[in-house]
Amino acid sequence: MYALNYEANTYLAVTLSPGSTYFQDPATLAAVHPSISHVGQVGPLQDVQLMSVPKRDWDGVKEEVLQSLMGSGGIGRVDIQVAQQRAKRGGDEL
């Protein structure tokens, strides 16, 4: 498990297309753009990889990063992740 720091990074969930060459070595997705780092697989989903871009760079490279990922082939979609506060369950809800 990895710790995510949404204050320092923007996270991207990259969904691989069936038959993508990135299945063999998902970390090579980071080579698509110099601002991208590979964080890891999203849970048990082998076709979804989590990537990060430093927040300090994000505004200046957002479009370039998204175009680079989508244009690299073997990628079905890219979703920008947003941190959300989880709600605690109260004792009465169970």
Protein backbone atom coordinates (compact mmCIF):
# COMPACT_ATOMS: atom_id res chain seq x y z
CA MET A 1 0.00 0.00 0.00
CA TYR A 2 1.25 3.47 -0.77
CA ALA A 3 0.56 6.78 1.00
CA LEU A 4 -0.95 9.47 -1.21
CA ASN A 5 -0.18 13.14 -0.68
CA TYR A 6 -2.85 15.17 -2.48
CA GLU A 7 -1.30 18.43 -1.23
CA ALA A 8 1.94 17.74 -3.10
CA ASN A 9 0.70 15.73 -6.12
CA THR A 10 -2.06 15.44 -8.66
CA TYR A 11 -2.98 11.79 -9.26
CA LEU A 12 -4.13 10.24 -12.51
CA ALA A 13 -5.85 6.87 -12.85
CA VAL A 14 -4.73 5.46 -16.19
CA THR A 15 -6.89 2.65 -17.59
CA LEU A 16 -5.03 0.42 -20.01
CA SER A 17 -6.67 -0.84 -23.18
CA PRO A 18 -7.01 -4.61 -23.61
CA GLY A 19 -3.80 -5.91 -25.16
CA SER A 20 -1.79 -2.84 -24.11
CA THR A 21 1.97 -3.36 -24.03
CA TYR A 22 2.00 -1.50 -20.69
CA PHE A 23 0.56 -4.60 -18.96
CA GLN A 24 4.04 -6.15 -19.15
CA ASP A 25 5.73 -3.24 -17.34
CA PRO A 26 3.27 -0.54 -16.14
CA ALA A 27 6.09 1.56 -14.67
CA THR A 28 7.17 2.43 -18.22
CA LEU A 29 4.12 4.73 -18.40
CA ALA A 30 6.29 7.25 -16.53
CA ALA A 31 8.48 7.57 -19.63
CA VAL A 32 5.58 9.14 -21.55
CA HIS A 33 6.26 12.57 -19.95
CA PRO A 34 9.08 13.77 -17.66
CA SER A 35 6.64 15.10 -15.01
CA ILE A 36 4.89 11.73 -14.53
CA SER A 37 5.78 9.19 -11.84
CA HIS A 38 4.32 5.70 -11.53
CA VAL A 39 2.70 5.15 -8.11
CA GLY A 40 1.34 1.65 -8.61
CA GLN A 41 -1.60 -0.54 -9.49
CA VAL A 42 -5.04 0.51 -8.24
CA GLY A 43 -6.12 -2.31 -5.90
CA PRO A 44 -6.71 -5.60 -7.69
CA LEU A 45 -7.40 -3.85 -11.02
CA GLN A 46 -4.49 -4.83 -13.27
CA ASP A 47 -5.71 -2.53 -16.02
CA VAL A 48 -5.72 0.62 -13.85
CA GLN A 49 -2.44 2.27 -12.88
CA LEU A 50 -2.01 5.30 -10.63
CA MET A 51 0.37 8.01 -11.80
CA SER A 52 1.37 11.26 -10.10
CA VAL A 53 2.45 14.72 -11.22
CA PRO A 54 3.82 17.26 -8.74
CA LYS A 55 1.22 19.97 -7.98
CA ARG A 56 3.84 22.67 -8.58
CA ASP A 57 4.11 21.47 -12.21
CA TRP A 58 0.49 20.43 -12.86
CA ASP A 59 -1.01 23.72 -14.06
CA GLY A 60 1.77 24.23 -16.59
CA VAL A 61 1.86 20.67 -17.95
CA LYS A 62 -1.71 19.39 -17.51
CA GLU A 63 -2.73 19.43 -21.19
CA GLU A 64 0.66 18.18 -22.33
CA VAL A 65 0.59 15.27 -19.85
CA LEU A 66 -2.96 14.24 -20.77
CA GLN A 67 -2.22 14.45 -24.51
CA SER A 68 1.02 12.48 -24.08
CA LEU A 69 -0.74 9.71 -22.18
CA MET A 70 -3.70 9.44 -24.56
CA GLY A 71 -1.44 9.64 -27.60
CA SER A 72 0.97 6.95 -26.45
CA GLY A 73 -1.26 4.04 -27.50
CA GLY A 74 -2.53 1.27 -25.27
CA ILE A 75 -4.40 3.66 -22.97
CA GLY A 76 -8.19 3.63 -22.84
CA ARG A 77 -8.78 6.58 -20.54
CA VAL A 78 -7.19 8.92 -18.01
CA ASP A 79 -9.09 10.19 -14.96
CA ILE A 80 -7.86 12.97 -12.70
CA GLN A 81 -8.29 11.87 -9.09
CA VAL A 82 -9.74 14.21 -6.46
CA ALA A 83 -9.24 13.71 -2.74
CA GLN A 84 -12.52 13.25 -0.91
CA GLN A 85 -13.16 13.10 2.80
CA ARG A 86 -14.71 9.81 3.85
CA ALA A 87 -17.77 10.06 6.03
CA LYS A 88 -17.70 8.15 9.29
CA ARG A 89 -20.62 5.94 10.07
CA GLY A 90 -22.49 6.75 13.23
CA GLY A 91 -23.41 4.09 15.75
CA ASP A 92 -27.10 4.37 14.79
CA GLU A 93 -26.51 3.59 11.11
CA LEU A 94 -25.58 -0.03 11.61
